[in-house]
Amino acid sequence: MADTYKLITLVGVSSKSYADATQNAVSAAAKTVRNLGWFEVKELRGRIDGKKIAEYQVKVDVAFKVSGKK
């Protein structure tokens, strides 16, 4: 049987970097979702406070396997 995945969309947030925001989203998903397989960053954005970047945000699709070989 071919593998089948379900996608969920998350927004990861970090005060450090886009990479850290992505890791935060994947780590949060891993707490409640089994069989995570891959992710795709769809959007990068952030929040500005005064003249500085205050927050990095990433919109991430995370996929988990629902059928196929384990």
C-alpha atoms as a PDB file:
ATOM      1  CA  MET A   1       0.000   0.000   0.000  1.00  0.00           C
ATOM      2  CA  ALA A   2       1.243   3.509  -0.789  1.00  0.00           C
ATOM      3  CA  ASP A   3       1.866   5.942   2.042  1.00  0.00           C
ATOM      4  CA  THR A   4      -0.856   8.468   2.841  1.00  0.00           C
ATOM      5  CA  TYR A   5      -0.317  11.611   4.909  1.00  0.00           C
ATOM      6  CA  LYS A   6      -2.584  14.156   6.565  1.00  0.00           C
ATOM      7  CA  LEU A   7      -1.536  17.817   6.670  1.00  0.00           C
ATOM      8  CA  ILE A   8      -2.011  20.199   9.549  1.00  0.00           C
ATOM      9  CA  THR A   9      -1.139  23.890   9.407  1.00  0.00           C
ATOM     10  CA  LEU A  10       0.597  25.520  12.363  1.00  0.00           C
ATOM     11  CA  VAL A  11       2.128  28.897  13.144  1.00  0.00           C
ATOM     12  CA  GLY A  12       5.406  28.682  15.036  1.00  0.00           C
ATOM     13  CA  VAL A  13       6.657  31.691  16.983  1.00  0.00           C
ATOM     14  CA  SER A  14      10.083  32.638  18.348  1.00  0.00           C
ATOM     15  CA  SER A  15      11.893  35.711  19.587  1.00  0.00           C
ATOM     16  CA  LYS A  16      15.185  34.280  18.193  1.00  0.00           C
ATOM     17  CA  SER A  17      14.832  33.216  14.541  1.00  0.00           C
ATOM     18  CA  TYR A  18      12.690  31.690  11.807  1.00  0.00           C
ATOM     19  CA  ALA A  19      14.497  28.374  12.312  1.00  0.00           C
ATOM     20  CA  ASP A  20      13.643  28.406  16.004  1.00  0.00           C
ATOM     21  CA  ALA A  21      10.015  29.249  15.213  1.00  0.00           C
ATOM     22  CA  THR A  22       9.890  26.270  12.831  1.00  0.00           C
ATOM     23  CA  GLN A  23      11.377  23.963  15.473  1.00  0.00           C
ATOM     24  CA  ASN A  24       8.843  25.218  18.022  1.00  0.00           C
ATOM     25  CA  ALA A  25       5.952  24.348  15.696  1.00  0.00           C
ATOM     26  CA  VAL A  26       7.283  20.850  14.950  1.00  0.00           C
ATOM     27  CA  SER A  27       8.059  20.185  18.629  1.00  0.00           C
ATOM     28  CA  ALA A  28       4.568  21.264  19.669  1.00  0.00           C
ATOM     29  CA  ALA A  29       2.989  18.981  17.054  1.00  0.00           C
ATOM     30  CA  ALA A  30       5.136  16.045  18.206  1.00  0.00           C
ATOM     31  CA  LYS A  31       3.616  16.282  21.701  1.00  0.00           C
ATOM     32  CA  THR A  32       0.185  15.152  20.460  1.00  0.00           C
ATOM     33  CA  VAL A  33       0.619  13.808  16.912  1.00  0.00           C
ATOM     34  CA  ARG A  34       2.275  10.476  16.099  1.00  0.00           C
ATOM     35  CA  ASN A  35       4.056   9.444  12.892  1.00  0.00           C
ATOM     36  CA  LEU A  36       5.249  12.918  11.869  1.00  0.00           C
ATOM     37  CA  GLY A  37       6.875  12.644   8.473  1.00  0.00           C
ATOM     38  CA  TRP A  38       7.792  16.027   7.054  1.00  0.00           C
ATOM     39  CA  PHE A  39       7.172  19.765   7.145  1.00  0.00           C
ATOM     40  CA  GLU A  40       7.048  22.631   4.668  1.00  0.00           C
ATOM     41  CA  VAL A  41       7.443  26.289   5.564  1.00  0.00           C
ATOM     42  CA  LYS A  42       4.738  28.197   3.693  1.00  0.00           C
ATOM     43  CA  GLU A  43       5.153  31.778   4.990  1.00  0.00           C
ATOM     44  CA  LEU A  44       7.658  33.863   6.907  1.00  0.00           C
ATOM     45  CA  ARG A  45       6.546  36.946   8.779  1.00  0.00           C
ATOM     46  CA  GLY A  46       7.209  38.768  12.016  1.00  0.00           C
ATOM     47  CA  ARG A  47       6.207  41.436  14.449  1.00  0.00           C
ATOM     48  CA  ILE A  48       8.042  44.739  14.891  1.00  0.00           C
ATOM     49  CA  ASP A  49       8.256  46.575  18.190  1.00  0.00           C
ATOM     50  CA  GLY A  50       9.618  50.067  17.740  1.00  0.00           C
ATOM     51  CA  LYS A  51      12.564  49.698  15.348  1.00  0.00           C
ATOM     52  CA  LYS A  52      13.418  46.078  16.169  1.00  0.00           C
ATOM     53  CA  ILE A  53      12.148  42.632  15.265  1.00  0.00           C
ATOM     54  CA  ALA A  54      10.223  41.417  18.291  1.00  0.00           C
ATOM     55  CA  GLU A  55       8.934  38.090  16.994  1.00  0.00           C
ATOM     56  CA  TYR A  56       9.555  35.678  14.124  1.00  0.00           C
ATOM     57  CA  GLN A  57       6.549  33.754  12.819  1.00  0.00           C
ATOM     58  CA  VAL A  58       6.388  30.847  10.372  1.00  0.00           C
ATOM     59  CA  LYS A  59       3.338  29.235   8.835  1.00  0.00           C
ATOM     60  CA  VAL A  60       4.180  25.538   8.555  1.00  0.00           C
ATOM     61  CA  ASP A  61       2.408  22.541   7.045  1.00  0.00           C
ATOM     62  CA  VAL A  62       3.283  19.431   9.056  1.00  0.00           C
ATOM     63  CA  ALA A  63       2.393  15.986   7.744  1.00  0.00           C
ATOM     64  CA  PHE A  64       1.808  12.741   9.583  1.00  0.00           C
ATOM     65  CA  LYS A  65       1.380   9.291   8.147  1.00  0.00           C
ATOM     66  CA  VAL A  66      -2.117   7.834   8.345  1.00  0.00           C
ATOM     67  CA  SER A  67      -1.464   4.657   6.323  1.00  0.00           C
ATOM     68  CA  GLY A  68       1.263   2.719   4.581  1.00  0.00           C
ATOM     69  CA  LYS A  69       4.461   0.951   5.634  1.00  0.00           C
ATOM     70  CA  LYS A  70       5.779   1.677   9.113  1.00  0.00           C
END
